[in-house]
Amino acid sequence: MAVEIERKFLVASDAWRAQAHGKTLLRQGYIANTPRASVRVRLAGDQGWLSVKAMTPGVARAEYEAAIAAQDAHEMLDRLCEGPLIEKWRHIVGYRGCEWEIDEFLGENAGLVVAELELESEQQAFERPPWLGAEVTHEERYYNFRLSQKPFRHWPENLLAQP
């Protein structure tokens, strides 16, 4: 079984930007969300992906992923996905032997910046970069499938800050 072990954190400052060594525009949407799994279509640059992720809470979740033609991903995103699409820049930042993925959200989720770290095991130790903020691994509202249902800019605390 394919398992993704991932920790998610908010980003406390822009200091990571000086260490970024690559970025890709991601566009993704959800074909289905059930209590057991989500089915996602993603376009990462010019590569398409179809993914199925288990809806189990926590650090480790089953994940199955297959490459698909970019044109198929475009069509699926435009014709089959529910809710607003997730659009974000994914920046790669190396820090003390770890490759961090910093997702800078656009559109309905603009203003949200999340750092993700994929691990080999749930117990794997890592050094926290100085720009890392609070951990949100266990907060479902930060999961991409939830952001497609209830975008960041529509959270009650963010509605008050809008003009």
N, C-alpha and C. Protein backbone atom coordinates (compact mmCIF):
# COMPACT_ATOMS: atom_id res chain seq x y z
N MET A 1 0.85 -1.19 0.00
CA MET A 1 0.00 0.00 0.00
C MET A 1 0.89 1.24 0.00
N ALA A 2 0.54 2.22 -0.82
CA ALA A 2 1.25 3.49 -0.87
C ALA A 2 0.79 4.36 0.29
N VAL A 3 1.74 4.88 1.06
CA VAL A 3 1.41 5.71 2.22
C VAL A 3 2.17 7.02 2.14
N GLU A 4 1.46 8.12 2.35
CA GLU A 4 2.07 9.44 2.45
C GLU A 4 2.14 9.80 3.93
N ILE A 5 3.34 10.14 4.37
CA ILE A 5 3.55 10.60 5.75
C ILE A 5 3.97 12.06 5.65
N GLU A 6 3.11 12.94 6.13
CA GLU A 6 3.30 14.37 5.88
C GLU A 6 2.91 15.19 7.10
N ARG A 7 3.70 16.23 7.36
CA ARG A 7 3.37 17.20 8.40
C ARG A 7 3.15 18.54 7.73
N LYS A 8 2.16 19.31 8.22
CA LYS A 8 1.80 20.62 7.67
C LYS A 8 1.96 21.69 8.74
N PHE A 9 2.47 22.84 8.30
CA PHE A 9 2.70 23.96 9.20
C PHE A 9 2.32 25.26 8.52
N LEU A 10 1.90 26.22 9.30
CA LEU A 10 1.77 27.58 8.78
C LEU A 10 3.18 28.16 8.66
N VAL A 11 3.31 29.20 7.87
CA VAL A 11 4.60 29.85 7.68
C VAL A 11 4.56 31.18 8.42
N ALA A 12 5.57 31.41 9.26
CA ALA A 12 5.58 32.58 10.14
C ALA A 12 6.22 33.82 9.52
N SER A 13 7.03 33.64 8.48
CA SER A 13 7.68 34.80 7.83
C SER A 13 8.03 34.44 6.40
N ASP A 14 8.48 35.44 5.65
CA ASP A 14 8.91 35.23 4.26
C ASP A 14 10.38 34.86 4.15
N ALA A 15 11.06 34.59 5.24
CA ALA A 15 12.49 34.29 5.21
C ALA A 15 12.81 33.07 4.35
N TRP A 16 11.88 32.17 4.16
CA TRP A 16 12.10 30.98 3.32
C TRP A 16 12.37 31.33 1.87
N ARG A 17 11.85 32.47 1.42
CA ARG A 17 11.96 32.84 0.00
C ARG A 17 13.40 32.88 -0.49
N ALA A 18 14.33 33.33 0.35
CA ALA A 18 15.74 33.41 -0.04
C ALA A 18 16.35 32.03 -0.24
N GLN A 19 15.73 30.98 0.32
CA GLN A 19 16.25 29.62 0.22
C GLN A 19 15.54 28.79 -0.84
N ALA A 20 14.50 29.32 -1.47
CA ALA A 20 13.73 28.57 -2.46
C ALA A 20 14.59 28.31 -3.70
N HIS A 21 14.52 27.08 -4.22
CA HIS A 21 15.33 26.75 -5.39
C HIS A 21 14.49 26.16 -6.53
N GLY A 22 13.21 26.32 -6.46
CA GLY A 22 12.35 25.88 -7.54
C GLY A 22 10.91 26.16 -7.21
N LYS A 23 10.09 26.37 -8.26
CA LYS A 23 8.67 26.56 -8.01
C LYS A 23 7.88 26.04 -9.21
N THR A 24 6.67 25.57 -8.93
CA THR A 24 5.78 25.03 -9.95
C THR A 24 4.37 25.53 -9.66
N LEU A 25 3.67 25.91 -10.71
CA LEU A 25 2.27 26.29 -10.56
C LEU A 25 1.43 25.02 -10.53
N LEU A 26 0.64 24.85 -9.49
CA LEU A 26 -0.26 23.70 -9.36
C LEU A 26 -1.70 24.17 -9.49
N ARG A 27 -2.46 23.39 -10.22
CA ARG A 27 -3.90 23.62 -10.35
C ARG A 27 -4.55 22.28 -10.09
N GLN A 28 -5.44 22.22 -9.11
CA GLN A 28 -6.04 20.93 -8.77
C GLN A 28 -7.49 21.09 -8.37
N GLY A 29 -8.22 19.99 -8.55
CA GLY A 29 -9.63 19.96 -8.19
C GLY A 29 -10.01 18.56 -7.75
N TYR A 30 -11.21 18.45 -7.22
CA TYR A 30 -11.68 17.20 -6.64
C TYR A 30 -12.90 16.69 -7.39
N ILE A 31 -12.81 15.45 -7.83
CA ILE A 31 -13.91 14.79 -8.52
C ILE A 31 -14.87 14.21 -7.49
N ALA A 32 -14.33 13.72 -6.38
CA ALA A 32 -15.17 13.12 -5.34
C ALA A 32 -14.51 13.27 -3.98
N ASN A 33 -15.33 13.50 -2.98
CA ASN A 33 -14.92 13.48 -1.57
C ASN A 33 -15.96 12.66 -0.83
N THR A 34 -15.54 11.56 -0.28
CA THR A 34 -16.44 10.73 0.51
C THR A 34 -15.85 10.63 1.92
N PRO A 35 -16.56 10.07 2.86
CA PRO A 35 -15.97 9.90 4.19
C PRO A 35 -14.72 9.01 4.19
N ARG A 36 -14.53 8.19 3.15
CA ARG A 36 -13.39 7.27 3.11
C ARG A 36 -12.23 7.75 2.25
N ALA A 37 -12.51 8.55 1.18
CA ALA A 37 -11.43 8.93 0.28
C ALA A 37 -11.79 10.16 -0.54
N SER A 38 -10.75 10.81 -1.07
CA SER A 38 -10.94 11.89 -2.03
C SER A 38 -10.23 11.50 -3.33
N VAL A 39 -10.80 11.96 -4.44
CA VAL A 39 -10.22 11.72 -5.76
C VAL A 39 -9.87 13.08 -6.34
N ARG A 40 -8.57 13.27 -6.61
CA ARG A 40 -8.06 14.57 -7.02
C ARG A 40 -7.42 14.50 -8.41
N VAL A 41 -7.62 15.57 -9.17
CA VAL A 41 -6.93 15.77 -10.44
C VAL A 41 -5.99 16.94 -10.22
N ARG A 42 -4.73 16.80 -10.68
CA ARG A 42 -3.77 17.88 -10.50
C ARG A 42 -3.00 18.09 -11.80
N LEU A 43 -2.77 19.35 -12.08
CA LEU A 43 -1.89 19.74 -13.17
C LEU A 43 -0.71 20.47 -12.51
N ALA A 44 0.47 19.87 -12.62
CA ALA A 44 1.69 20.43 -12.03
C ALA A 44 2.62 20.79 -13.17
N GLY A 45 2.64 22.08 -13.52
CA GLY A 45 3.39 22.48 -14.71
C GLY A 45 2.74 21.86 -15.93
N ASP A 46 3.46 21.01 -16.64
CA ASP A 46 2.89 20.35 -17.82
C ASP A 46 2.66 18.85 -17.58
N GLN A 47 2.52 18.43 -16.33
CA GLN A 47 2.28 17.03 -15.99
C GLN A 47 0.95 16.88 -15.26
N GLY A 48 0.14 15.93 -15.71
CA GLY A 48 -1.13 15.65 -15.07
C GLY A 48 -1.03 14.47 -14.11
N TRP A 49 -1.85 14.51 -13.07
CA TRP A 49 -1.87 13.43 -12.06
C TRP A 49 -3.30 13.18 -11.62
N LEU A 50 -3.60 11.92 -11.35
CA LEU A 50 -4.86 11.52 -10.74
C LEU A 50 -4.49 10.83 -9.43
N SER A 51 -5.07 11.28 -8.33
CA SER A 51 -4.70 10.76 -7.00
C SER A 51 -5.93 10.38 -6.21
N VAL A 52 -5.78 9.34 -5.42
CA VAL A 52 -6.81 8.93 -4.47
C VAL A 52 -6.15 8.92 -3.10
N LYS A 53 -6.74 9.66 -2.16
CA LYS A 53 -6.19 9.75 -0.81
C LYS A 53 -7.22 9.29 0.20
N ALA A 54 -6.77 8.51 1.17
CA ALA A 54 -7.65 8.10 2.26
C ALA A 54 -7.99 9.30 3.13
N MET A 55 -9.16 9.28 3.73
CA MET A 55 -9.60 10.37 4.60
C MET A 55 -9.32 10.08 6.07
N THR A 56 -8.28 9.33 6.34
CA THR A 56 -7.93 9.05 7.72
C THR A 56 -7.20 10.25 8.32
N PRO A 57 -7.56 10.64 9.53
CA PRO A 57 -6.87 11.78 10.15
C PRO A 57 -5.46 11.39 10.57
N GLY A 58 -4.60 12.39 10.70
CA GLY A 58 -3.27 12.13 11.20
C GLY A 58 -2.18 12.37 10.19
N VAL A 59 -0.98 11.93 10.53
CA VAL A 59 0.22 12.19 9.76
C VAL A 59 0.34 11.25 8.56
N ALA A 60 -0.10 10.00 8.69
CA ALA A 60 0.05 9.00 7.63
C ALA A 60 -1.30 8.66 7.03
N ARG A 61 -1.34 8.68 5.68
CA ARG A 61 -2.58 8.33 4.96
C ARG A 61 -2.23 7.54 3.71
N ALA A 62 -3.10 6.61 3.35
CA ALA A 62 -2.93 5.90 2.09
C ALA A 62 -3.10 6.89 0.95
N GLU A 63 -2.22 6.78 -0.07
CA GLU A 63 -2.30 7.66 -1.23
C GLU A 63 -1.87 6.86 -2.46
N TYR A 64 -2.68 6.92 -3.50
CA TYR A 64 -2.38 6.26 -4.76
C TYR A 64 -2.37 7.33 -5.84
N GLU A 65 -1.34 7.31 -6.68
CA GLU A 65 -1.18 8.37 -7.65
C GLU A 65 -0.76 7.78 -8.99
N ALA A 66 -1.33 8.32 -10.07
CA ALA A 66 -0.98 7.88 -11.42
C ALA A 66 -0.84 9.09 -12.33
N ALA A 67 0.18 9.08 -13.17
CA ALA A 67 0.37 10.14 -14.15
C ALA A 67 -0.70 10.02 -15.23
N ILE A 68 -1.22 11.16 -15.68
CA ILE A 68 -2.17 11.19 -16.79
C ILE A 68 -1.72 12.29 -17.76
N ALA A 69 -2.22 12.26 -18.97
CA ALA A 69 -1.87 13.28 -19.95
C ALA A 69 -2.31 14.66 -19.46
N ALA A 70 -1.49 15.67 -19.71
CA ALA A 70 -1.82 17.03 -19.30
C ALA A 70 -3.15 17.48 -19.88
N GLN A 71 -3.43 17.14 -21.13
CA GLN A 71 -4.69 17.53 -21.76
C GLN A 71 -5.87 16.90 -21.03
N ASP A 72 -5.74 15.63 -20.61
CA ASP A 72 -6.80 14.98 -19.84
C ASP A 72 -7.01 15.69 -18.51
N ALA A 73 -5.91 16.08 -17.85
CA ALA A 73 -6.01 16.79 -16.58
C ALA A 73 -6.74 18.12 -16.78
N HIS A 74 -6.38 18.87 -17.83
CA HIS A 74 -7.07 20.14 -18.14
C HIS A 74 -8.57 19.91 -18.29
N GLU A 75 -8.93 18.93 -19.09
CA GLU A 75 -10.35 18.66 -19.35
C GLU A 75 -11.08 18.24 -18.08
N MET A 76 -10.47 17.39 -17.28
CA MET A 76 -11.10 16.94 -16.04
C MET A 76 -11.28 18.10 -15.06
N LEU A 77 -10.27 18.96 -14.96
CA LEU A 77 -10.37 20.12 -14.08
C LEU A 77 -11.50 21.04 -14.52
N ASP A 78 -11.63 21.25 -15.82
CA ASP A 78 -12.65 22.16 -16.34
C ASP A 78 -14.05 21.57 -16.34
N ARG A 79 -14.17 20.25 -16.48
CA ARG A 79 -15.49 19.64 -16.67
C ARG A 79 -16.02 18.82 -15.49
N LEU A 80 -15.13 18.27 -14.68
CA LEU A 80 -15.58 17.28 -13.69
C LEU A 80 -15.45 17.69 -12.23
N CYS A 81 -14.62 18.67 -11.94
CA CYS A 81 -14.32 18.98 -10.53
C CYS A 81 -15.35 19.90 -9.91
N GLU A 82 -15.60 19.66 -8.63
CA GLU A 82 -16.56 20.44 -7.84
C GLU A 82 -15.85 21.56 -7.10
N GLY A 83 -16.58 22.64 -6.88
CA GLY A 83 -16.06 23.74 -6.05
C GLY A 83 -14.97 24.51 -6.75
N PRO A 84 -14.50 25.57 -6.11
CA PRO A 84 -13.41 26.32 -6.73
C PRO A 84 -12.15 25.45 -6.79
N LEU A 85 -11.40 25.58 -7.88
CA LEU A 85 -10.15 24.85 -8.00
C LEU A 85 -9.13 25.42 -7.03
N ILE A 86 -8.22 24.57 -6.62
CA ILE A 86 -7.09 25.00 -5.80
C ILE A 86 -5.98 25.38 -6.76
N GLU A 87 -5.50 26.62 -6.64
CA GLU A 87 -4.38 27.08 -7.44
C GLU A 87 -3.33 27.61 -6.47
N LYS A 88 -2.09 27.20 -6.72
CA LYS A 88 -1.03 27.60 -5.79
C LYS A 88 0.32 27.45 -6.46
N TRP A 89 1.26 28.26 -5.98
CA TRP A 89 2.65 28.10 -6.33
C TRP A 89 3.26 27.19 -5.30
N ARG A 90 3.92 26.14 -5.75
CA ARG A 90 4.65 25.25 -4.83
C ARG A 90 6.13 25.56 -4.97
N HIS A 91 6.71 26.06 -3.89
CA HIS A 91 8.13 26.40 -3.83
C HIS A 91 8.86 25.26 -3.11
N ILE A 92 10.05 24.92 -3.56
CA ILE A 92 10.88 23.91 -2.91
C ILE A 92 11.98 24.62 -2.14
N VAL A 93 12.09 24.27 -0.85
CA VAL A 93 13.07 24.93 0.02
C VAL A 93 13.82 23.84 0.79
N GLY A 94 15.11 23.82 0.61
CA GLY A 94 15.93 22.88 1.38
C GLY A 94 16.33 23.51 2.70
N TYR A 95 16.26 22.68 3.76
CA TYR A 95 16.70 23.16 5.07
C TYR A 95 17.22 21.98 5.88
N ARG A 96 18.49 21.99 6.19
CA ARG A 96 19.14 20.99 7.04
C ARG A 96 18.80 19.55 6.63
N GLY A 97 18.96 19.27 5.34
CA GLY A 97 18.77 17.91 4.84
C GLY A 97 17.34 17.54 4.50
N CYS A 98 16.41 18.45 4.66
CA CYS A 98 15.00 18.18 4.34
C CYS A 98 14.55 19.07 3.18
N GLU A 99 13.67 18.55 2.36
CA GLU A 99 13.07 19.31 1.27
C GLU A 99 11.66 19.71 1.68
N TRP A 100 11.45 20.97 1.94
CA TRP A 100 10.15 21.51 2.31
C TRP A 100 9.41 21.95 1.06
N GLU A 101 8.11 21.73 1.03
CA GLU A 101 7.24 22.26 -0.02
C GLU A 101 6.44 23.39 0.59
N ILE A 102 6.62 24.59 0.08
CA ILE A 102 5.89 25.76 0.57
C ILE A 102 4.82 26.08 -0.45
N ASP A 103 3.56 25.94 -0.05
CA ASP A 103 2.44 26.22 -0.94
C ASP A 103 1.90 27.60 -0.67
N GLU A 104 1.98 28.45 -1.69
CA GLU A 104 1.50 29.82 -1.64
C GLU A 104 0.21 29.86 -2.47
N PHE A 105 -0.92 29.89 -1.79
CA PHE A 105 -2.22 29.74 -2.45
C PHE A 105 -2.64 31.01 -3.18
N LEU A 106 -3.42 30.82 -4.22
CA LEU A 106 -3.93 31.90 -5.07
C LEU A 106 -5.45 31.87 -5.06
N GLY A 107 -6.08 32.80 -5.77
CA GLY A 107 -7.53 32.80 -5.94
C GLY A 107 -8.28 32.90 -4.63
N GLU A 108 -9.25 32.04 -4.44
CA GLU A 108 -10.10 32.04 -3.24
C GLU A 108 -9.34 31.72 -1.96
N ASN A 109 -8.13 31.16 -2.10
CA ASN A 109 -7.32 30.81 -0.93
C ASN A 109 -6.10 31.73 -0.79
N ALA A 110 -6.09 32.84 -1.53
CA ALA A 110 -4.97 33.78 -1.47
C ALA A 110 -4.76 34.25 -0.03
N GLY A 111 -3.50 34.39 0.34
CA GLY A 111 -3.15 34.81 1.69
C GLY A 111 -2.71 33.64 2.56
N LEU A 112 -3.05 32.43 2.16
CA LEU A 112 -2.66 31.24 2.92
C LEU A 112 -1.34 30.72 2.38
N VAL A 113 -0.38 30.48 3.29
CA VAL A 113 0.91 29.89 2.94
C VAL A 113 1.16 28.75 3.92
N VAL A 114 1.36 27.55 3.38
CA VAL A 114 1.51 26.35 4.20
C VAL A 114 2.80 25.64 3.81
N ALA A 115 3.55 25.19 4.79
CA ALA A 115 4.77 24.40 4.56
C ALA A 115 4.45 22.94 4.84
N GLU A 116 4.86 22.07 3.93
CA GLU A 116 4.65 20.63 4.09
C GLU A 116 5.99 19.91 4.04
N LEU A 117 6.11 18.86 4.83
CA LEU A 117 7.31 18.05 4.84
C LEU A 117 6.89 16.59 4.79
N GLU A 118 7.33 15.88 3.74
CA GLU A 118 7.07 14.45 3.64
C GLU A 118 8.18 13.71 4.36
N LEU A 119 7.79 12.72 5.15
CA LEU A 119 8.73 11.99 5.99
C LEU A 119 8.76 10.51 5.62
N GLU A 120 9.83 9.83 6.02
CA GLU A 120 9.97 8.38 5.81
C GLU A 120 9.19 7.58 6.85
N SER A 121 9.05 8.15 8.05
CA SER A 121 8.30 7.49 9.12
C SER A 121 7.64 8.56 9.99
N GLU A 122 6.64 8.16 10.75
CA GLU A 122 5.96 9.12 11.63
C GLU A 122 6.88 9.61 12.74
N GLN A 123 7.91 8.85 13.08
CA GLN A 123 8.82 9.21 14.16
C GLN A 123 10.05 9.96 13.67
N GLN A 124 10.19 10.16 12.36
CA GLN A 124 11.38 10.81 11.82
C GLN A 124 11.57 12.21 12.41
N ALA A 125 12.76 12.46 12.90
CA ALA A 125 13.09 13.77 13.47
C ALA A 125 13.52 14.72 12.35
N PHE A 126 13.25 15.99 12.55
CA PHE A 126 13.68 17.02 11.61
C PHE A 126 13.88 18.31 12.39
N GLU A 127 14.72 19.17 11.83
CA GLU A 127 14.96 20.46 12.47
C GLU A 127 14.00 21.49 11.91
N ARG A 128 13.36 22.22 12.79
CA ARG A 128 12.39 23.25 12.38
C ARG A 128 13.11 24.49 11.86
N PRO A 129 12.80 24.91 10.65
CA PRO A 129 13.38 26.16 10.14
C PRO A 129 12.85 27.35 10.96
N PRO A 130 13.60 28.43 11.04
CA PRO A 130 13.18 29.60 11.83
C PRO A 130 11.91 30.27 11.28
N TRP A 131 11.57 30.06 10.02
CA TRP A 131 10.39 30.66 9.40
C TRP A 131 9.13 29.82 9.57
N LEU A 132 9.26 28.68 10.24
CA LEU A 132 8.12 27.77 10.42
C LEU A 132 7.23 28.22 11.57
N GLY A 133 5.92 28.19 11.33
CA GLY A 133 4.94 28.58 12.34
C GLY A 133 4.26 27.37 12.97
N ALA A 134 3.02 27.55 13.37
CA ALA A 134 2.26 26.52 14.08
C ALA A 134 1.97 25.31 13.20
N GLU A 135 1.99 24.13 13.81
CA GLU A 135 1.64 22.91 13.08
C GLU A 135 0.13 22.82 12.91
N VAL A 136 -0.30 22.46 11.70
CA VAL A 136 -1.74 22.33 11.39
C VAL A 136 -2.05 20.96 10.78
N THR A 137 -1.16 20.00 10.98
CA THR A 137 -1.33 18.65 10.41
C THR A 137 -2.69 18.07 10.76
N HIS A 138 -3.15 18.28 11.95
CA HIS A 138 -4.40 17.65 12.41
C HIS A 138 -5.62 18.55 12.24
N GLU A 139 -5.47 19.69 11.59
CA GLU A 139 -6.59 20.61 11.37
C GLU A 139 -7.09 20.45 9.94
N GLU A 140 -8.21 19.77 9.80
CA GLU A 140 -8.74 19.40 8.50
C GLU A 140 -9.04 20.60 7.60
N ARG A 141 -9.34 21.74 8.18
CA ARG A 141 -9.68 22.90 7.33
C ARG A 141 -8.50 23.33 6.46
N TYR A 142 -7.27 22.93 6.80
CA TYR A 142 -6.10 23.25 5.99
C TYR A 142 -5.82 22.21 4.90
N TYR A 143 -6.58 21.13 4.87
CA TYR A 143 -6.39 20.13 3.82
C TYR A 143 -6.94 20.70 2.52
N ASN A 144 -6.28 20.41 1.42
CA ASN A 144 -6.68 20.96 0.14
C ASN A 144 -8.12 20.63 -0.23
N PHE A 145 -8.59 19.42 0.05
CA PHE A 145 -9.96 19.08 -0.31
C PHE A 145 -10.95 19.96 0.45
N ARG A 146 -10.62 20.34 1.68
CA ARG A 146 -11.49 21.24 2.45
C ARG A 146 -11.40 22.67 1.92
N LEU A 147 -10.21 23.08 1.50
CA LEU A 147 -10.04 24.42 0.95
C LEU A 147 -10.82 24.58 -0.35
N SER A 148 -11.08 23.47 -1.05
CA SER A 148 -11.91 23.54 -2.26
C SER A 148 -13.39 23.68 -1.90
N GLN A 149 -13.76 23.26 -0.70
CA GLN A 149 -15.14 23.36 -0.26
C GLN A 149 -15.41 24.65 0.50
N LYS A 150 -14.46 25.03 1.34
CA LYS A 150 -14.58 26.26 2.12
C LYS A 150 -13.24 27.00 2.05
N PRO A 151 -13.08 27.84 1.02
CA PRO A 151 -11.82 28.54 0.81
C PRO A 151 -11.43 29.44 1.97
N PHE A 152 -10.13 29.64 2.09
CA PHE A 152 -9.51 30.42 3.15
C PHE A 152 -10.14 31.81 3.30
N ARG A 153 -10.40 32.49 2.19
CA ARG A 153 -10.94 33.86 2.29
C ARG A 153 -12.36 33.89 2.84
N HIS A 154 -13.03 32.74 2.92
CA HIS A 154 -14.40 32.66 3.46
C HIS A 154 -14.44 32.19 4.91
N TRP A 155 -13.29 31.96 5.51
CA TRP A 155 -13.27 31.61 6.92
C TRP A 155 -13.73 32.83 7.72
N PRO A 156 -14.50 32.63 8.77
CA PRO A 156 -15.05 33.77 9.52
C PRO A 156 -14.00 34.81 9.94
N GLU A 157 -12.84 34.36 10.39
CA GLU A 157 -11.82 35.30 10.83
C GLU A 157 -11.22 36.11 9.68
N ASN A 158 -11.36 35.61 8.45
CA ASN A 158 -10.83 36.33 7.29
C ASN A 158 -11.88 37.24 6.65
N LEU A 159 -13.16 36.96 6.88
CA LEU A 159 -14.21 37.81 6.35
C LEU A 159 -14.15 39.21 6.94
N LEU A 160 -13.76 39.29 8.21
CA LEU A 160 -13.69 40.58 8.89
C LEU A 160 -12.58 41.46 8.33
N ALA A 161 -11.53 40.84 7.79
CA ALA A 161 -10.38 41.60 7.29
C ALA A 161 -10.56 42.08 5.85
N GLN A 162 -11.61 41.62 5.16
CA GLN A 162 -11.81 42.00 3.77
C GLN A 162 -12.49 43.36 3.68
N PRO A 163 -12.11 44.15 2.65
CA PRO A 163 -12.71 45.49 2.48
C PRO A 163 -14.16 45.39 2.04
